[in-house]
Protein backbone atom coordinates (compact mmCIF):
# COMPACT_ATOMS: atom_id res chain seq x y z
CA MET A 1 145.23 -10.98 -104.46
CA LEU A 2 148.26 -11.49 -102.36
CA ARG A 3 147.86 -8.11 -100.77
CA ILE A 4 144.27 -8.84 -99.82
CA ARG A 5 145.35 -12.18 -98.06
CA THR A 6 148.12 -10.27 -96.16
CA LEU A 7 145.59 -7.63 -95.03
CA VAL A 8 143.16 -10.35 -93.86
CA VAL A 9 145.86 -12.05 -91.85
CA PHE A 10 147.07 -8.74 -90.36
CA PHE A 11 143.39 -7.88 -89.24
CA PHE A 12 142.97 -11.38 -87.71
CA ILE A 13 146.16 -11.20 -85.71
CA THR A 14 145.32 -7.69 -84.54
CA LEU A 15 141.86 -8.83 -83.38
CA VAL A 16 143.43 -11.67 -81.38
CA LEU A 17 145.92 -9.36 -79.68
CA ILE A 18 143.24 -6.90 -78.74
CA SER A 19 141.01 -9.66 -77.33
CA CYS A 20 143.84 -11.09 -75.16
CA ALA A 21 144.71 -7.53 -73.84
CA THR A 22 141.20 -6.75 -72.77
CA THR A 23 140.41 -10.09 -71.07
CA THR A 24 140.53 -9.97 -67.25
CA ILE A 25 141.76 -13.16 -65.60
CA GLN A 26 139.73 -13.89 -62.43
CA THR A 27 141.49 -15.64 -59.64
CA GLU A 28 140.26 -16.82 -56.23
CA PRO A 29 141.80 -14.96 -53.28
CA MET A 30 144.13 -16.95 -51.16
CA VAL A 31 142.84 -17.70 -47.67
CA GLN A 32 145.44 -18.73 -45.11
CA THR A 33 144.03 -21.28 -42.64
CA PRO A 34 145.07 -20.54 -39.06
CA ILE A 35 147.26 -23.17 -37.39
CA THR A 36 146.54 -23.78 -33.76
CA ILE A 37 149.67 -24.57 -31.66
CA LEU A 38 148.89 -26.40 -28.37
CA PRO A 39 150.82 -25.25 -25.32
CA THR A 40 153.63 -27.54 -24.23
CA HIS A 41 153.45 -28.74 -20.59
CA THR A 42 156.79 -28.17 -19.08
CA GLY A 43 155.99 -28.80 -15.43
CA THR A 44 157.27 -31.89 -13.63
CA PRO A 45 154.77 -34.49 -12.39
CA SER A 46 153.93 -34.17 -8.68
CA ALA A 47 155.81 -36.56 -6.38
CA THR A 48 153.82 -39.32 -4.73
CA PRO A 49 153.08 -38.22 -1.06
CA ILE A 50 154.73 -40.00 1.71
CA GLN A 51 152.29 -42.32 3.62
CA TRP A 52 152.10 -43.77 7.03
CA GLU A 53 152.50 -47.61 6.56
CA ILE A 54 150.48 -50.05 8.43
CA GLY A 55 152.68 -52.23 10.64
CA ALA A 56 151.94 -55.30 12.73
CA THR A 57 148.38 -56.57 13.24
CA ALA A 58 146.78 -55.57 16.44
CA LEU A 59 146.31 -58.24 19.18
CA ASP A 60 143.14 -58.49 21.37
CA LEU A 61 144.38 -59.77 24.61
CA PRO A 62 141.95 -59.75 27.56
CA SER A 63 142.21 -56.42 29.42
CA ASP A 64 142.19 -58.32 32.69
CA GLN A 65 144.88 -60.87 31.56
CA ALA A 66 146.82 -62.39 34.40
CA THR A 67 149.86 -63.42 32.33
CA PRO A 68 152.87 -61.15 33.07
CA TRP A 69 153.92 -58.89 30.25
CA VAL A 70 157.32 -60.58 30.23
CA GLU A 71 155.73 -63.85 29.19
CA ILE A 72 153.69 -62.21 26.42
CA LEU A 73 156.60 -60.24 25.04
CA ASP A 74 158.83 -63.31 25.16
CA GLN A 75 156.34 -65.07 22.90
CA MET A 76 156.10 -62.04 20.56
CA HIS A 77 159.94 -61.63 20.26
CA PRO A 78 161.48 -65.10 20.33
CA GLY A 79 164.68 -63.77 18.90
CA LEU A 80 165.35 -61.70 22.06
CA CYS A 81 166.26 -62.77 25.58
CA ILE A 82 163.25 -61.05 27.20
CA LYS A 83 163.35 -63.14 30.35
CA GLU A 84 166.97 -62.30 30.91
CA GLY A 85 166.34 -58.49 30.89
CA TYR A 86 165.12 -56.19 33.49
CA ASP A 87 161.46 -54.93 33.88
CA ILE A 88 162.11 -51.66 35.70
CA VAL A 89 158.46 -51.15 36.46
CA THR A 90 158.54 -54.23 38.81
CA LEU A 91 162.04 -53.79 40.23
CA THR A 92 162.22 -52.30 43.62
CA PRO A 93 164.33 -50.38 44.16
CA GLU A 94 165.30 -49.31 40.62
CA PRO A 95 168.81 -50.04 39.59
CA ILE A 96 171.07 -46.92 39.75
CA GLU A 97 171.88 -46.97 36.07
CA MET A 98 168.28 -47.70 34.99
CA HIS A 99 165.04 -45.89 35.61
CA VAL A 100 161.55 -45.53 34.35
CA PRO A 101 161.36 -42.24 32.50
CA LYS A 102 158.61 -39.68 33.04
CA LEU A 103 155.65 -40.30 30.59
CA VAL A 104 154.11 -37.17 29.20
CA PHE A 105 150.99 -36.99 26.90
CA GLU A 106 150.84 -33.56 25.13
CA GLU A 107 147.83 -32.69 22.94
CA ILE A 108 148.93 -31.07 19.69
CA ASP A 109 147.02 -29.44 16.82
CA GLY A 110 147.44 -32.28 14.38
CA LEU A 111 149.58 -35.24 13.17
CA PRO A 112 152.78 -34.05 11.46
CA ASP A 113 153.46 -35.18 7.89
CA PRO A 114 155.60 -38.31 7.63
CA ARG A 115 159.24 -37.64 6.57
CA PRO A 116 160.83 -39.11 3.50
CA ARG A 117 163.68 -41.66 3.73
CA TYR A 118 162.48 -42.87 7.21
CA ASP A 119 160.14 -45.56 8.32
CA ASN A 120 156.76 -44.00 9.08
CA ILE A 121 154.75 -46.71 10.93
CA ARG A 122 151.00 -46.68 11.74
CA ALA A 123 149.26 -49.18 13.97
CA ASP A 124 145.47 -49.33 14.66
CA ASN A 125 143.98 -51.13 17.67
CA MET A 126 141.34 -53.74 17.26
CA ASP A 127 138.29 -51.57 17.32
CA HIS A 128 140.02 -48.69 15.55
CA SER A 129 139.25 -46.34 18.43
CA PHE A 130 142.95 -45.34 18.61
CA SER A 131 145.85 -45.32 16.18
CA ALA A 132 149.53 -45.05 17.00
CA TYR A 133 152.09 -43.43 14.69
CA ALA A 134 155.89 -43.56 15.00
CA GLY A 135 158.47 -41.83 12.75
CA CYS A 136 161.41 -39.48 12.74
CA GLN A 137 160.97 -35.73 12.65
CA PRO A 138 163.84 -33.27 12.21
CA GLY A 139 166.41 -33.86 14.99
CA ASP A 140 164.29 -36.43 16.88
CA CYS A 141 163.59 -39.99 15.90
CA SER A 142 161.88 -40.90 19.20
CA LYS A 143 158.48 -39.59 17.96
CA LEU A 144 155.36 -41.42 19.01
CA TYR A 145 151.81 -40.13 18.44
CA ILE A 146 148.43 -41.40 19.55
CA VAL A 147 145.29 -40.37 17.78
CA GLU A 148 141.81 -40.79 19.35
CA ASN A 149 139.87 -41.42 16.29
CA SER A 150 136.40 -40.65 17.66
CA THR A 151 137.42 -37.09 18.56
CA GLY A 152 140.42 -36.50 16.20
CA LYS A 153 142.57 -35.52 19.24
CA VAL A 154 146.29 -35.99 18.58
CA PHE A 155 148.81 -36.62 21.37
CA ASP A 156 152.61 -36.40 21.15
CA ILE A 157 153.96 -38.98 23.56
CA ASN A 158 157.29 -38.21 25.30
CA PHE A 159 158.46 -41.45 26.73
CA GLY A 160 162.09 -40.49 27.43
CA GLY A 161 163.38 -42.10 24.29
CA MET A 162 166.71 -41.65 22.41
CA PHE A 163 166.65 -38.99 19.76
CA ASP A 164 168.92 -40.93 17.43
CA ARG A 165 167.12 -44.24 17.56
CA PRO A 166 163.88 -44.71 15.75
CA VAL A 167 160.71 -46.40 17.20
CA ASP A 168 160.21 -49.93 16.02
CA TRP A 169 157.88 -53.00 16.39
CA LEU A 170 154.91 -50.78 17.04
CA GLN A 171 151.90 -52.94 17.92
CA TRP A 172 148.70 -52.80 19.98
CA LEU A 173 148.32 -55.65 22.63
CA ASP A 174 144.65 -54.74 23.45
CA LYS A 175 142.50 -51.75 22.76
CA ASP A 176 144.26 -49.58 25.37
CA THR A 177 147.82 -50.91 25.42
CA VAL A 178 150.52 -50.36 22.81
CA THR A 179 154.10 -51.65 22.74
CA PHE A 180 157.27 -50.62 20.81
CA THR A 181 160.96 -50.78 20.98
CA GLN A 182 164.10 -48.65 20.60
CA MET A 183 167.37 -50.33 19.71
CA GLY A 184 170.11 -48.82 21.91
CA HIS A 185 173.86 -48.97 21.80
CA VAL A 186 174.00 -51.72 24.47
CA TRP A 187 170.37 -52.32 25.39
CA ILE A 188 167.11 -52.98 23.53
CA VAL A 189 164.35 -50.89 25.35
CA ILE A 190 160.92 -52.41 25.11
CA SER A 191 157.94 -50.33 26.39
CA VAL A 192 154.32 -51.14 27.02
CA ILE A 193 152.03 -48.09 27.56
CA ASN A 194 148.51 -48.00 28.75
CA ILE A 195 147.04 -44.88 27.01
CA GLN A 196 144.00 -44.72 29.38
CA THR A 197 146.07 -44.68 32.65
CA LYS A 198 149.02 -42.90 30.85
CA GLU A 199 151.49 -45.17 32.54
CA PHE A 200 154.12 -47.71 31.62
CA GLU A 201 152.93 -51.19 32.27
CA TYR A 202 156.33 -52.63 31.22
CA TYR A 203 159.62 -50.90 30.65
CA GLY A 204 162.43 -53.43 29.91
CA TYR A 205 166.13 -53.23 29.31
CA ILE A 206 166.99 -56.30 27.22
CA HIS A 207 170.46 -57.45 26.28
CA GLU A 208 170.94 -58.24 22.61
CA CYS A 209 171.47 -62.00 22.60
CA PHE A 210 170.81 -65.16 20.67
CA PRO A 211 168.60 -67.61 22.56
CA THR A 212 169.44 -71.25 22.41
CA PRO A 213 166.77 -73.13 20.42
CA THR A 214 164.59 -75.53 22.40
CA PRO A 215 165.38 -79.14 21.33
């Protein structure tokens, strides 16, 4: 009887082992999900372009005004002794050490780009028919440009200025007349140019001084 039980147990274990050995374990294949790597932007952001800055508001004086330019400029620049200066346009003869320079309008292909680290001034006349631009270019700070907005023509104005002194106080007095200054070593030079006649209407040497306030 014991032998029979032993045989039964032996056959049972043998059947279990055979069943385990013949069973195939099914597994799902591993699928690798692709990883998208976005490119890294390594470039530097573009610098803000230099712009021409709008300067003083244009005036609209009558074109046939009878008031001398010295009176108008004296009101515009109360911190300067305009009336104590010399308007070389009206002096006859010209002083030996002072003279009205030759004024040259040269048409060029286009307005140059404004330069960084300098004042780049723009002034429009009242009806926006002309714009004036002043700013330093390499080796020359006496740069003045006039743009005829209806045609797009650009003129480089040679007014005999000092290369190392920037143009300042750029302003239109009427639609055809523009004024500006250059601060010299001894004198302040104030110019008034008529862009239609292409002539100086005022060219003044002004001493730097401090006017006495009117009581």
